[in-house]
């Protein structure tokens, strides 16, 4: 058994697979956090040049992201970040309003004090991003706040579906942030934290639902 394990560990790593995974994760993060605007065109040749990889890992990374809805693919083969219609924004907001209150409610019994303190710290970073008008940091810390809570739900399939929605909404959320031009963070994260401290499931569900839909109404309306 030991010999078999050593043999498996000594197998050479496919450099294309490693490059593909690195490119996929980087692009996925950029799209989810709004680093790329809606309708941003991406070419395989440009991605390969930017990331210093061959065309094969670039093609595989784009294929995965298209399958997740992070990128769209035209008939000519050009990839682009999503440009969402008002109807599509409304649909994705509705999905968030269904999934995320349930994730939060499932997390509530496991919301210990250390977790709540961690959420408060993330929310402080989120507020700082608003003050600095840093859209990417705002989106990143906002999603970190929600993901940190939802991980306690121990519902990986539900969280994976939620992250797919976040991924499709990333560029649109960046556009929304630029339109609203906030000078202070919305109050909903504080309401979420208060509901967690109180063990208030109805209040938690309401705060989550309002938080994940209120901003998107400005785009869908």
N, C-alpha and C. Protein backbone atom coordinates (compact mmCIF):
# COMPACT_ATOMS: atom_id res chain seq x y z
N UNK A 1 0.83 -1.21 0.00
CA UNK A 1 0.00 0.00 0.00
C UNK A 1 0.86 1.26 0.00
N UNK A 2 1.94 1.21 0.80
CA UNK A 2 2.84 2.36 0.86
C UNK A 2 3.50 2.60 -0.47
N UNK A 3 3.91 1.49 -1.15
CA UNK A 3 4.54 1.62 -2.45
C UNK A 3 3.61 2.27 -3.46
N UNK A 4 2.36 1.86 -3.44
CA UNK A 4 1.37 2.42 -4.38
C UNK A 4 1.19 3.90 -4.12
N UNK A 5 1.19 4.28 -2.85
CA UNK A 5 0.99 5.69 -2.52
C UNK A 5 2.17 6.52 -3.00
N UNK A 6 3.37 6.05 -2.80
CA UNK A 6 4.56 6.78 -3.25
C UNK A 6 4.56 6.92 -4.75
N UNK A 7 4.16 5.86 -5.44
CA UNK A 7 4.10 5.90 -6.90
C UNK A 7 3.12 6.95 -7.37
N UNK A 8 1.94 7.01 -6.71
CA UNK A 8 0.93 7.99 -7.10
C UNK A 8 1.42 9.41 -6.87
N UNK A 9 2.12 9.62 -5.75
CA UNK A 9 2.58 10.97 -5.44
C UNK A 9 3.70 11.41 -6.36
N UNK A 10 4.41 10.44 -6.97
CA UNK A 10 5.54 10.79 -7.80
C UNK A 10 5.18 11.04 -9.25
N UNK A 11 3.89 10.89 -9.59
CA UNK A 11 3.46 11.14 -10.96
C UNK A 11 3.67 12.62 -11.31
N UNK A 12 4.14 12.90 -12.52
CA UNK A 12 4.37 14.30 -12.89
C UNK A 12 3.07 15.08 -13.00
N UNK A 13 3.12 16.34 -12.61
CA UNK A 13 1.96 17.22 -12.70
C UNK A 13 1.84 17.76 -14.11
N UNK A 14 0.65 17.72 -14.67
CA UNK A 14 0.40 18.25 -16.01
C UNK A 14 0.46 19.78 -15.94
N UNK A 15 1.45 20.40 -16.60
CA UNK A 15 1.56 21.87 -16.50
C UNK A 15 0.36 22.59 -17.09
N UNK A 16 -0.27 22.00 -18.12
CA UNK A 16 -1.45 22.63 -18.70
C UNK A 16 -2.61 22.63 -17.71
N UNK A 17 -2.75 21.52 -16.96
CA UNK A 17 -3.83 21.44 -15.96
C UNK A 17 -3.62 22.46 -14.87
N UNK A 18 -2.38 22.61 -14.40
CA UNK A 18 -2.09 23.59 -13.35
C UNK A 18 -2.34 25.01 -13.86
N UNK A 19 -1.93 25.29 -15.09
CA UNK A 19 -2.13 26.63 -15.67
C UNK A 19 -3.61 26.91 -15.86
N UNK A 20 -4.34 25.89 -16.29
CA UNK A 20 -5.79 26.06 -16.49
C UNK A 20 -6.48 26.37 -15.18
N UNK A 21 -6.13 25.66 -14.11
CA UNK A 21 -6.77 25.88 -12.82
C UNK A 21 -6.46 27.27 -12.29
N UNK A 22 -5.21 27.70 -12.44
CA UNK A 22 -4.82 29.03 -11.97
C UNK A 22 -5.57 30.13 -12.73
N UNK A 23 -5.64 29.99 -14.04
CA UNK A 23 -6.34 30.97 -14.86
C UNK A 23 -7.83 30.96 -14.55
N UNK A 24 -8.41 29.79 -14.41
CA UNK A 24 -9.84 29.68 -14.10
C UNK A 24 -10.17 30.38 -12.79
N UNK A 25 -9.40 30.09 -11.75
CA UNK A 25 -9.68 30.67 -10.43
C UNK A 25 -9.49 32.19 -10.44
N UNK A 26 -8.48 32.66 -11.14
CA UNK A 26 -8.23 34.11 -11.20
C UNK A 26 -9.36 34.82 -11.93
N UNK A 27 -9.74 34.30 -13.09
CA UNK A 27 -10.82 34.92 -13.86
C UNK A 27 -12.14 34.84 -13.11
N UNK A 28 -12.39 33.71 -12.48
CA UNK A 28 -13.63 33.54 -11.72
C UNK A 28 -13.72 34.59 -10.61
N UNK A 29 -12.63 34.81 -9.91
CA UNK A 29 -12.61 35.81 -8.85
C UNK A 29 -12.82 37.21 -9.42
N UNK A 30 -12.19 37.51 -10.55
CA UNK A 30 -12.34 38.83 -11.15
C UNK A 30 -13.77 39.11 -11.57
N UNK A 31 -14.42 38.11 -12.14
CA UNK A 31 -15.82 38.29 -12.56
C UNK A 31 -16.73 38.43 -11.35
N UNK A 32 -16.56 37.55 -10.36
CA UNK A 32 -17.44 37.56 -9.20
C UNK A 32 -17.33 38.86 -8.42
N UNK A 33 -16.13 39.42 -8.33
CA UNK A 33 -15.91 40.63 -7.53
C UNK A 33 -16.04 41.91 -8.34
N UNK A 34 -16.51 41.81 -9.57
CA UNK A 34 -16.77 43.01 -10.35
C UNK A 34 -15.54 43.71 -10.87
N UNK A 35 -14.41 43.00 -10.98
CA UNK A 35 -13.22 43.63 -11.52
C UNK A 35 -13.32 43.85 -13.03
N UNK A 36 -14.22 43.12 -13.65
CA UNK A 36 -14.46 43.27 -15.09
C UNK A 36 -15.86 43.83 -15.29
N UNK A 37 -16.02 44.85 -16.12
CA UNK A 37 -17.35 45.46 -16.32
C UNK A 37 -18.24 44.56 -17.17
N UNK A 38 -19.56 44.82 -17.17
CA UNK A 38 -20.46 44.05 -18.03
C UNK A 38 -20.09 44.22 -19.50
N UNK A 39 -20.13 43.12 -20.25
CA UNK A 39 -19.84 43.18 -21.68
C UNK A 39 -18.38 43.25 -22.04
N UNK A 40 -17.49 43.01 -21.08
CA UNK A 40 -16.05 43.03 -21.35
C UNK A 40 -15.67 41.84 -22.22
N UNK A 41 -15.10 42.11 -23.40
CA UNK A 41 -14.70 41.03 -24.30
C UNK A 41 -13.38 40.43 -23.86
N UNK A 42 -13.28 39.12 -24.02
CA UNK A 42 -12.05 38.39 -23.68
C UNK A 42 -11.73 37.43 -24.82
N UNK A 43 -10.51 37.47 -25.29
CA UNK A 43 -10.09 36.55 -26.34
C UNK A 43 -9.14 35.51 -25.75
N UNK A 44 -9.17 34.32 -26.32
CA UNK A 44 -8.26 33.27 -25.85
C UNK A 44 -6.80 33.70 -26.02
N UNK A 45 -6.52 34.33 -27.14
CA UNK A 45 -5.14 34.76 -27.38
C UNK A 45 -4.72 35.83 -26.36
N UNK A 46 -5.64 36.76 -26.06
CA UNK A 46 -5.33 37.80 -25.09
C UNK A 46 -5.14 37.23 -23.69
N UNK A 47 -6.00 36.28 -23.30
CA UNK A 47 -5.87 35.66 -21.99
C UNK A 47 -4.57 34.88 -21.88
N UNK A 48 -4.24 34.14 -22.94
CA UNK A 48 -3.01 33.36 -22.92
C UNK A 48 -1.80 34.28 -22.78
N UNK A 49 -1.83 35.40 -23.48
CA UNK A 49 -0.70 36.33 -23.40
C UNK A 49 -0.63 36.99 -22.02
N UNK A 50 -1.77 37.43 -21.50
CA UNK A 50 -1.79 38.12 -20.21
C UNK A 50 -1.31 37.22 -19.07
N UNK A 51 -1.72 35.95 -19.09
CA UNK A 51 -1.39 35.04 -18.00
C UNK A 51 -0.18 34.17 -18.28
N UNK A 52 0.42 34.35 -19.46
CA UNK A 52 1.63 33.60 -19.77
C UNK A 52 1.40 32.11 -19.90
N UNK A 53 0.26 31.73 -20.51
CA UNK A 53 -0.05 30.32 -20.69
C UNK A 53 -0.30 30.05 -22.18
N UNK A 54 -0.43 28.78 -22.53
CA UNK A 54 -0.75 28.43 -23.90
C UNK A 54 -2.26 28.55 -24.13
N UNK A 55 -2.68 28.32 -25.37
CA UNK A 55 -4.09 28.46 -25.71
C UNK A 55 -4.95 27.38 -25.05
N UNK A 56 -4.38 26.21 -24.81
CA UNK A 56 -5.18 25.10 -24.26
C UNK A 56 -5.73 25.40 -22.88
N UNK A 57 -4.90 25.81 -21.91
CA UNK A 57 -5.49 26.15 -20.60
C UNK A 57 -6.42 27.35 -20.66
N UNK A 58 -6.14 28.30 -21.54
CA UNK A 58 -7.05 29.45 -21.68
C UNK A 58 -8.41 28.99 -22.18
N UNK A 59 -8.40 28.09 -23.15
CA UNK A 59 -9.65 27.57 -23.71
C UNK A 59 -10.44 26.79 -22.65
N UNK A 60 -9.75 25.97 -21.87
CA UNK A 60 -10.43 25.16 -20.85
C UNK A 60 -11.02 26.04 -19.74
N UNK A 61 -10.28 27.06 -19.33
CA UNK A 61 -10.77 27.96 -18.29
C UNK A 61 -12.02 28.70 -18.76
N UNK A 62 -12.00 29.20 -19.99
CA UNK A 62 -13.16 29.91 -20.53
C UNK A 62 -14.35 28.97 -20.66
N UNK A 63 -14.10 27.74 -21.06
CA UNK A 63 -15.19 26.77 -21.20
C UNK A 63 -15.89 26.54 -19.87
N UNK A 64 -15.12 26.41 -18.82
CA UNK A 64 -15.71 26.20 -17.48
C UNK A 64 -16.52 27.42 -17.05
N UNK A 65 -15.99 28.60 -17.30
CA UNK A 65 -16.67 29.82 -16.87
C UNK A 65 -17.94 30.07 -17.68
N UNK A 66 -17.94 29.70 -18.95
CA UNK A 66 -19.16 29.80 -19.75
C UNK A 66 -20.22 28.85 -19.19
N UNK A 67 -19.81 27.65 -18.81
CA UNK A 67 -20.74 26.67 -18.26
C UNK A 67 -21.37 27.17 -16.95
N UNK A 68 -20.63 27.97 -16.19
CA UNK A 68 -21.13 28.51 -14.92
C UNK A 68 -21.93 29.79 -15.10
N UNK A 69 -21.96 30.33 -16.31
CA UNK A 69 -22.67 31.58 -16.54
C UNK A 69 -21.84 32.81 -16.23
N UNK A 70 -20.55 32.62 -15.92
CA UNK A 70 -19.68 33.77 -15.63
C UNK A 70 -19.31 34.51 -16.89
N UNK A 71 -19.29 33.79 -18.01
CA UNK A 71 -18.99 34.39 -19.30
C UNK A 71 -20.04 33.91 -20.30
N UNK A 72 -20.28 34.73 -21.33
CA UNK A 72 -21.12 34.30 -22.44
C UNK A 72 -20.21 34.07 -23.65
N UNK A 73 -20.67 33.28 -24.58
CA UNK A 73 -19.86 32.95 -25.75
C UNK A 73 -20.68 33.24 -26.99
N UNK A 74 -20.16 34.10 -27.87
CA UNK A 74 -20.86 34.46 -29.09
C UNK A 74 -20.67 33.38 -30.15
N UNK A 75 -21.44 33.49 -31.23
CA UNK A 75 -21.34 32.51 -32.32
C UNK A 75 -19.96 32.56 -32.97
N UNK A 76 -19.28 33.69 -32.87
CA UNK A 76 -17.94 33.82 -33.44
C UNK A 76 -16.85 33.29 -32.51
N UNK A 77 -17.26 32.86 -31.30
CA UNK A 77 -16.29 32.30 -30.37
C UNK A 77 -15.69 33.31 -29.41
N UNK A 78 -16.19 34.54 -29.40
CA UNK A 78 -15.66 35.55 -28.50
C UNK A 78 -16.39 35.49 -27.16
N UNK A 79 -15.63 35.44 -26.08
CA UNK A 79 -16.21 35.39 -24.74
C UNK A 79 -16.35 36.81 -24.19
N UNK A 80 -17.34 36.99 -23.32
CA UNK A 80 -17.57 38.30 -22.71
C UNK A 80 -18.24 38.10 -21.36
N UNK A 81 -18.05 39.08 -20.47
CA UNK A 81 -18.74 39.06 -19.19
C UNK A 81 -20.23 39.35 -19.41
N UNK A 82 -21.09 38.89 -18.52
CA UNK A 82 -22.54 39.01 -18.76
C UNK A 82 -23.03 40.46 -18.80
N UNK A 83 -23.90 40.73 -19.75
CA UNK A 83 -24.69 41.96 -19.77
C UNK A 83 -26.13 41.54 -19.51
N UNK A 84 -26.62 41.81 -18.33
CA UNK A 84 -27.90 41.26 -17.90
C UNK A 84 -29.06 42.20 -18.21
N UNK A 85 -30.14 41.63 -18.72
CA UNK A 85 -31.36 42.40 -18.93
C UNK A 85 -32.04 42.61 -17.59
N UNK A 86 -32.97 43.59 -17.50
CA UNK A 86 -33.73 43.77 -16.25
C UNK A 86 -34.44 42.50 -15.82
N UNK A 87 -34.95 41.74 -16.78
CA UNK A 87 -35.66 40.49 -16.44
C UNK A 87 -34.70 39.47 -15.83
N UNK A 88 -33.50 39.40 -16.37
CA UNK A 88 -32.52 38.46 -15.85
C UNK A 88 -32.06 38.88 -14.45
N UNK A 89 -31.88 40.18 -14.25
CA UNK A 89 -31.50 40.67 -12.92
C UNK A 89 -32.57 40.32 -11.90
N UNK A 90 -33.83 40.53 -12.29
CA UNK A 90 -34.94 40.21 -11.39
C UNK A 90 -34.97 38.72 -11.06
N UNK A 91 -34.72 37.88 -12.06
CA UNK A 91 -34.71 36.44 -11.84
C UNK A 91 -33.60 36.04 -10.86
N UNK A 92 -32.39 36.57 -11.06
CA UNK A 92 -31.28 36.22 -10.19
C UNK A 92 -31.48 36.76 -8.78
N UNK A 93 -32.08 37.96 -8.67
CA UNK A 93 -32.39 38.51 -7.35
C UNK A 93 -33.41 37.62 -6.63
N UNK A 94 -34.36 37.09 -7.37
CA UNK A 94 -35.37 36.20 -6.78
C UNK A 94 -34.73 34.91 -6.29
N UNK A 95 -33.77 34.40 -7.04
CA UNK A 95 -33.07 33.19 -6.62
C UNK A 95 -32.29 33.46 -5.33
N UNK A 96 -31.62 34.60 -5.27
CA UNK A 96 -30.91 34.95 -4.03
C UNK A 96 -31.89 35.04 -2.86
N UNK A 97 -33.05 35.64 -3.10
CA UNK A 97 -34.03 35.81 -2.03
C UNK A 97 -34.60 34.49 -1.55
N UNK A 98 -34.54 33.46 -2.38
CA UNK A 98 -35.00 32.13 -1.98
C UNK A 98 -33.90 31.35 -1.25
N UNK A 99 -32.71 31.36 -1.80
CA UNK A 99 -31.63 30.52 -1.28
C UNK A 99 -30.97 31.07 -0.03
N UNK A 100 -30.70 32.37 -0.03
CA UNK A 100 -29.83 32.90 1.02
C UNK A 100 -30.50 33.00 2.39
N UNK A 101 -31.78 33.37 2.49
CA UNK A 101 -32.41 33.30 3.82
C UNK A 101 -32.41 31.88 4.38
N UNK A 102 -32.57 30.88 3.50
CA UNK A 102 -32.56 29.50 3.97
C UNK A 102 -31.17 29.11 4.46
N UNK A 103 -30.14 29.50 3.73
CA UNK A 103 -28.77 29.23 4.18
C UNK A 103 -28.51 29.88 5.54
N UNK A 104 -28.94 31.13 5.69
CA UNK A 104 -28.73 31.83 6.95
C UNK A 104 -29.46 31.15 8.09
N UNK A 105 -30.71 30.72 7.84
CA UNK A 105 -31.49 30.05 8.88
C UNK A 105 -30.83 28.74 9.30
N UNK A 106 -30.25 28.03 8.34
CA UNK A 106 -29.56 26.78 8.66
C UNK A 106 -28.27 27.04 9.42
N UNK A 107 -27.67 28.19 9.18
CA UNK A 107 -26.44 28.54 9.88
C UNK A 107 -26.70 29.02 11.31
N UNK A 108 -27.89 29.52 11.57
CA UNK A 108 -28.19 30.16 12.86
C UNK A 108 -27.87 29.29 14.08
N UNK A 109 -28.23 28.00 14.09
CA UNK A 109 -27.92 27.20 15.29
C UNK A 109 -26.41 27.05 15.54
N UNK A 110 -25.60 27.28 14.52
CA UNK A 110 -24.15 27.13 14.66
C UNK A 110 -23.43 28.48 14.69
N UNK A 111 -24.20 29.55 14.87
CA UNK A 111 -23.62 30.91 14.85
C UNK A 111 -23.09 31.25 16.24
N UNK A 112 -21.89 30.75 16.55
CA UNK A 112 -21.28 31.00 17.85
C UNK A 112 -20.72 32.43 17.90
N UNK A 113 -20.30 32.85 19.08
CA UNK A 113 -19.86 34.23 19.27
C UNK A 113 -18.64 34.58 18.40
N UNK A 114 -17.74 33.63 18.24
CA UNK A 114 -16.54 33.89 17.43
C UNK A 114 -16.94 34.18 15.98
N UNK A 115 -17.93 33.45 15.46
CA UNK A 115 -18.40 33.70 14.10
C UNK A 115 -19.02 35.08 13.99
N UNK A 116 -19.84 35.45 14.95
CA UNK A 116 -20.49 36.76 14.91
C UNK A 116 -19.46 37.88 14.98
N UNK A 117 -18.44 37.70 15.81
CA UNK A 117 -17.36 38.69 15.88
C UNK A 117 -16.62 38.78 14.55
N UNK A 118 -16.42 37.64 13.90
CA UNK A 118 -15.77 37.63 12.59
C UNK A 118 -16.62 38.37 11.57
N UNK A 119 -17.91 38.18 11.59
CA UNK A 119 -18.81 38.89 10.68
C UNK A 119 -18.75 40.39 10.92
N UNK A 120 -18.70 40.79 12.18
CA UNK A 120 -18.62 42.22 12.50
C UNK A 120 -17.33 42.82 11.97
N UNK A 121 -16.24 42.06 12.03
CA UNK A 121 -14.96 42.53 11.51
C UNK A 121 -15.01 42.68 9.99
N UNK A 122 -15.58 41.70 9.32
CA UNK A 122 -15.72 41.79 7.86
C UNK A 122 -16.60 42.98 7.49
N UNK A 123 -17.66 43.20 8.26
CA UNK A 123 -18.54 44.32 7.96
C UNK A 123 -17.84 45.66 8.13
N UNK A 124 -16.91 45.74 9.08
CA UNK A 124 -16.11 46.97 9.24
C UNK A 124 -15.27 47.22 7.99
N UNK A 125 -14.67 46.16 7.45
CA UNK A 125 -13.90 46.29 6.21
C UNK A 125 -14.80 46.69 5.05
N UNK A 126 -16.02 46.17 5.04
CA UNK A 126 -16.99 46.52 4.02
C UNK A 126 -17.34 48.01 4.09
N UNK A 127 -17.53 48.51 5.31
CA UNK A 127 -17.84 49.93 5.50
C UNK A 127 -16.67 50.81 5.07
N UNK A 128 -15.44 50.38 5.34
CA UNK A 128 -14.26 51.13 4.92
C UNK A 128 -14.18 51.21 3.40
N UNK A 129 -14.53 50.12 2.72
CA UNK A 129 -14.52 50.12 1.26
C UNK A 129 -15.51 51.14 0.70
N UNK A 130 -16.65 51.28 1.37
CA UNK A 130 -17.65 52.28 0.94
C UNK A 130 -17.08 53.68 1.10
N UNK A 131 -16.47 53.94 2.23
CA UNK A 131 -15.89 55.27 2.49
C UNK A 131 -14.83 55.61 1.45
N UNK A 132 -14.05 54.61 1.05
CA UNK A 132 -12.97 54.82 0.07
C UNK A 132 -13.47 54.75 -1.37
N UNK A 133 -14.75 54.45 -1.54
CA UNK A 133 -15.35 54.29 -2.88
C UNK A 133 -14.60 53.24 -3.70
N UNK A 134 -14.25 52.14 -3.03
CA UNK A 134 -13.54 51.03 -3.66
C UNK A 134 -14.56 49.95 -3.99
N UNK A 135 -15.03 49.96 -5.23
CA UNK A 135 -16.12 49.07 -5.61
C UNK A 135 -15.73 47.60 -5.49
N UNK A 136 -14.54 47.25 -5.95
CA UNK A 136 -14.13 45.85 -5.92
C UNK A 136 -14.00 45.36 -4.48
N UNK A 137 -13.40 46.16 -3.61
CA UNK A 137 -13.26 45.78 -2.20
C UNK A 137 -14.63 45.67 -1.54
N UNK A 138 -15.56 46.56 -1.93
CA UNK A 138 -16.91 46.50 -1.38
C UNK A 138 -17.60 45.19 -1.75
N UNK A 139 -17.54 44.82 -3.02
CA UNK A 139 -18.19 43.58 -3.46
C UNK A 139 -17.51 42.38 -2.82
N UNK A 140 -16.18 42.39 -2.77
CA UNK A 140 -15.44 41.26 -2.21
C UNK A 140 -15.78 41.06 -0.73
N UNK A 141 -15.77 42.13 0.06
CA UNK A 141 -16.07 41.99 1.49
C UNK A 141 -17.54 41.69 1.73
N UNK A 142 -18.41 42.19 0.85
CA UNK A 142 -19.83 41.87 0.97
C UNK A 142 -20.06 40.37 0.78
N UNK A 143 -19.45 39.81 -0.26
CA UNK A 143 -19.62 38.38 -0.50
C UNK A 143 -18.91 37.56 0.57
N UNK A 144 -17.78 38.04 1.06
CA UNK A 144 -17.09 37.34 2.14
C UNK A 144 -17.97 37.27 3.39
N UNK A 145 -18.68 38.35 3.68
CA UNK A 145 -19.60 38.39 4.82
C UNK A 145 -20.65 37.28 4.69
N UNK A 146 -21.27 37.21 3.52
CA UNK A 146 -22.32 36.22 3.32
C UNK A 146 -21.75 34.80 3.30
N UNK A 147 -20.64 34.59 2.60
CA UNK A 147 -20.07 33.25 2.52
C UNK A 147 -19.64 32.73 3.90
N UNK A 148 -19.05 33.62 4.70
CA UNK A 148 -18.62 33.22 6.04
C UNK A 148 -19.79 32.71 6.87
N UNK A 149 -20.93 33.39 6.76
CA UNK A 149 -22.12 32.93 7.47
C UNK A 149 -22.66 31.64 6.88
N UNK A 150 -22.77 31.57 5.55
CA UNK A 150 -23.42 30.44 4.92
C UNK A 150 -22.61 29.14 5.05
N UNK A 151 -21.31 29.25 5.21
CA UNK A 151 -20.51 28.05 5.41
C UNK A 151 -20.96 27.28 6.65
N UNK A 152 -21.50 28.02 7.63
CA UNK A 152 -21.97 27.37 8.86
C UNK A 152 -23.26 26.60 8.65
N UNK A 153 -23.90 26.80 7.50
CA UNK A 153 -25.14 26.08 7.21
C UNK A 153 -24.88 24.61 6.92
N UNK A 154 -23.66 24.29 6.53
CA UNK A 154 -23.29 22.93 6.16
C UNK A 154 -24.23 22.39 5.08
N UNK A 155 -24.43 23.22 4.06
CA UNK A 155 -25.28 22.87 2.92
C UNK A 155 -24.51 23.20 1.64
N UNK A 156 -23.51 22.37 1.30
CA UNK A 156 -22.60 22.71 0.21
C UNK A 156 -23.27 22.85 -1.15
N UNK A 157 -24.26 22.04 -1.44
CA UNK A 157 -24.93 22.14 -2.74
C UNK A 157 -25.67 23.47 -2.86
N UNK A 158 -26.35 23.87 -1.79
CA UNK A 158 -27.07 25.13 -1.79
C UNK A 158 -26.11 26.31 -1.91
N UNK A 159 -24.97 26.23 -1.23
CA UNK A 159 -23.98 27.30 -1.31
C UNK A 159 -23.37 27.37 -2.69
N UNK A 160 -23.13 26.23 -3.32
CA UNK A 160 -22.58 26.22 -4.68
C UNK A 160 -23.53 26.89 -5.66
N UNK A 161 -24.83 26.64 -5.52
CA UNK A 161 -25.82 27.30 -6.37
C UNK A 161 -25.81 28.81 -6.14
N UNK A 162 -25.70 29.20 -4.89
CA UNK A 162 -25.67 30.63 -4.55
C UNK A 162 -24.45 31.31 -5.15
N UNK A 163 -23.31 30.65 -5.08
CA UNK A 163 -22.09 31.25 -5.63
C UNK A 163 -22.16 31.37 -7.14
N UNK A 164 -22.87 30.46 -7.80
CA UNK A 164 -23.07 30.58 -9.25
C UNK A 164 -23.87 31.84 -9.58
N UNK A 165 -24.86 32.14 -8.75
CA UNK A 165 -25.64 33.37 -8.95
C UNK A 165 -24.75 34.60 -8.72
N UNK A 166 -23.95 34.57 -7.66
CA UNK A 166 -23.03 35.69 -7.40
C UNK A 166 -22.11 35.91 -8.60
N UNK A 167 -21.66 34.81 -9.16
CA UNK A 167 -20.74 34.88 -10.29
C UNK A 167 -21.38 35.58 -11.48
N UNK A 168 -22.62 35.24 -11.77
CA UNK A 168 -23.31 35.86 -12.90
C UNK A 168 -23.60 37.35 -12.64
N UNK A 169 -23.75 37.71 -11.37
CA UNK A 169 -24.12 39.08 -11.02
C UNK A 169 -22.92 40.01 -10.82
N UNK A 170 -21.70 39.45 -10.75
CA UNK A 170 -20.53 40.26 -10.38
C UNK A 170 -20.36 41.55 -11.17
N UNK A 171 -20.26 41.47 -12.51
CA UNK A 171 -20.10 42.72 -13.28
C UNK A 171 -21.27 43.69 -13.10
N UNK A 172 -22.49 43.15 -12.98
CA UNK A 172 -23.66 43.99 -12.78
C UNK A 172 -23.62 44.70 -11.43
N UNK A 173 -23.13 43.98 -10.41
CA UNK A 173 -23.00 44.60 -9.09
C UNK A 173 -22.01 45.76 -9.14
N UNK A 174 -20.97 45.63 -9.93
CA UNK A 174 -20.01 46.72 -10.09
C UNK A 174 -20.71 47.94 -10.71
N UNK A 175 -21.52 47.70 -11.73
CA UNK A 175 -22.25 48.79 -12.37
C UNK A 175 -23.22 49.44 -11.40
N UNK A 176 -23.85 48.62 -10.56
CA UNK A 176 -24.79 49.14 -9.57
C UNK A 176 -24.06 50.03 -8.57
N UNK A 177 -22.91 49.60 -8.11
CA UNK A 177 -22.15 50.38 -7.13
C UNK A 177 -21.83 51.76 -7.71
N UNK A 178 -21.42 51.80 -8.98
CA UNK A 178 -21.10 53.08 -9.60
C UNK A 178 -22.31 53.99 -9.73
N UNK A 179 -23.48 53.39 -9.88
CA UNK A 179 -24.69 54.19 -10.03
C UNK A 179 -25.15 54.77 -8.70
N UNK A 180 -25.04 53.99 -7.62
CA UNK A 180 -25.55 54.44 -6.33
C UNK A 180 -24.65 55.46 -5.65
N UNK A 181 -23.33 55.32 -5.82
CA UNK A 181 -22.35 56.24 -5.22
C UNK A 181 -22.61 56.45 -3.73
N UNK A 182 -22.59 55.37 -2.98
CA UNK A 182 -22.87 55.44 -1.55
C UNK A 182 -21.70 56.08 -0.80
N UNK A 183 -22.04 56.70 0.32
CA UNK A 183 -21.03 57.22 1.24
C UNK A 183 -21.01 56.47 2.56
N UNK A 184 -21.99 55.59 2.75
CA UNK A 184 -22.00 54.72 3.92
C UNK A 184 -22.66 53.40 3.55
N UNK A 185 -22.26 52.35 4.25
CA UNK A 185 -22.78 51.02 3.94
C UNK A 185 -24.25 50.92 4.33
N UNK A 186 -25.03 50.11 3.60
CA UNK A 186 -26.42 49.88 3.99
C UNK A 186 -26.48 49.24 5.39
N UNK A 187 -27.62 49.35 6.07
CA UNK A 187 -27.69 48.87 7.46
C UNK A 187 -27.93 47.38 7.60
N UNK A 188 -28.13 46.67 6.49
CA UNK A 188 -28.65 45.31 6.58
C UNK A 188 -27.68 44.32 7.22
N UNK A 189 -26.38 44.51 7.01
CA UNK A 189 -25.43 43.61 7.67
C UNK A 189 -25.51 43.76 9.18
N UNK A 190 -25.70 44.97 9.65
CA UNK A 190 -25.83 45.17 11.10
C UNK A 190 -27.10 44.49 11.62
N UNK A 191 -28.17 44.54 10.83
CA UNK A 191 -29.41 43.86 11.22
C UNK A 191 -29.23 42.35 11.23
N UNK A 192 -28.44 41.84 10.28
CA UNK A 192 -28.15 40.41 10.23
C UNK A 192 -27.39 39.99 11.49
N UNK A 193 -26.38 40.77 11.85
CA UNK A 193 -25.59 40.47 13.04
C UNK A 193 -26.45 40.53 14.30
N UNK A 194 -27.33 41.53 14.38
CA UNK A 194 -28.21 41.65 15.55
C UNK A 194 -29.16 40.45 15.65
N UNK A 195 -29.68 40.00 14.50
CA UNK A 195 -30.58 38.85 14.52
C UNK A 195 -29.84 37.58 14.93
N UNK A 196 -28.59 37.44 14.48
CA UNK A 196 -27.79 36.29 14.89
C UNK A 196 -27.55 36.30 16.40
N UNK A 197 -27.22 37.46 16.94
CA UNK A 197 -26.97 37.55 18.38
C UNK A 197 -28.23 37.21 19.18
N UNK A 198 -29.39 37.60 18.65
CA UNK A 198 -30.65 37.37 19.36
C UNK A 198 -31.25 36.00 19.08
N UNK A 199 -30.65 35.25 18.13
CA UNK A 199 -31.24 33.97 17.76
C UNK A 199 -32.60 34.13 17.09
N UNK A 200 -32.78 35.22 16.38
CA UNK A 200 -34.07 35.59 15.80
C UNK A 200 -34.13 35.13 14.34
N UNK A 201 -34.68 33.95 14.10
CA UNK A 201 -34.70 33.42 12.73
C UNK A 201 -35.58 34.24 11.79
N UNK A 202 -36.82 34.62 12.16
CA UNK A 202 -37.61 35.45 11.23
C UNK A 202 -36.91 36.78 10.91
N UNK A 203 -36.32 37.41 11.92
CA UNK A 203 -35.62 38.66 11.69
C UNK A 203 -34.40 38.46 10.81
N UNK A 204 -33.72 37.34 10.98
CA UNK A 204 -32.55 37.02 10.16
C UNK A 204 -32.95 36.81 8.70
N UNK A 205 -33.99 36.04 8.50
CA UNK A 205 -34.46 35.79 7.13
C UNK A 205 -34.85 37.11 6.44
N UNK A 206 -35.54 37.97 7.16
CA UNK A 206 -35.97 39.25 6.58
C UNK A 206 -34.77 40.13 6.25
N UNK A 207 -33.81 40.20 7.16
CA UNK A 207 -32.63 41.04 6.93
C UNK A 207 -31.82 40.54 5.74
N UNK A 208 -31.65 39.23 5.62
CA UNK A 208 -30.93 38.65 4.49
C UNK A 208 -31.66 38.93 3.19
N UNK A 209 -32.96 38.67 3.19
CA UNK A 209 -33.74 38.86 1.96
C UNK A 209 -33.69 40.32 1.49
N UNK A 210 -33.81 41.24 2.42
CA UNK A 210 -33.75 42.66 2.06
C UNK A 210 -32.37 43.04 1.56
N UNK A 211 -31.34 42.53 2.23
CA UNK A 211 -29.97 42.86 1.85
C UNK A 211 -29.64 42.41 0.44
N UNK A 212 -30.07 41.20 0.06
CA UNK A 212 -29.65 40.67 -1.23
C UNK A 212 -30.50 41.14 -2.40
N UNK A 213 -31.61 41.84 -2.11
CA UNK A 213 -32.47 42.30 -3.20
C UNK A 213 -32.56 43.80 -3.34
N UNK A 214 -32.32 44.57 -2.26
CA UNK A 214 -32.62 46.00 -2.29
C UNK A 214 -31.79 46.75 -3.34
N UNK A 215 -30.50 46.41 -3.46
CA UNK A 215 -29.67 47.14 -4.41
C UNK A 215 -30.00 46.80 -5.85
N UNK A 216 -30.29 45.53 -6.10
CA UNK A 216 -30.56 45.10 -7.47
C UNK A 216 -31.83 45.72 -8.04
N UNK A 217 -32.73 46.16 -7.17
CA UNK A 217 -33.95 46.80 -7.68
C UNK A 217 -33.64 48.08 -8.45
N UNK A 218 -32.54 48.73 -8.11
CA UNK A 218 -32.17 49.96 -8.81
C UNK A 218 -31.79 49.67 -10.27
N UNK A 219 -31.35 48.45 -10.53
CA UNK A 219 -30.99 48.09 -11.90
C UNK A 219 -32.16 47.46 -12.66
N UNK A 220 -32.96 46.69 -11.93
CA UNK A 220 -34.06 45.99 -12.59
C UNK A 220 -35.28 46.87 -12.78
N UNK A 221 -35.35 47.94 -12.00
CA UNK A 221 -36.54 48.78 -12.05
C UNK A 221 -36.55 49.75 -13.21
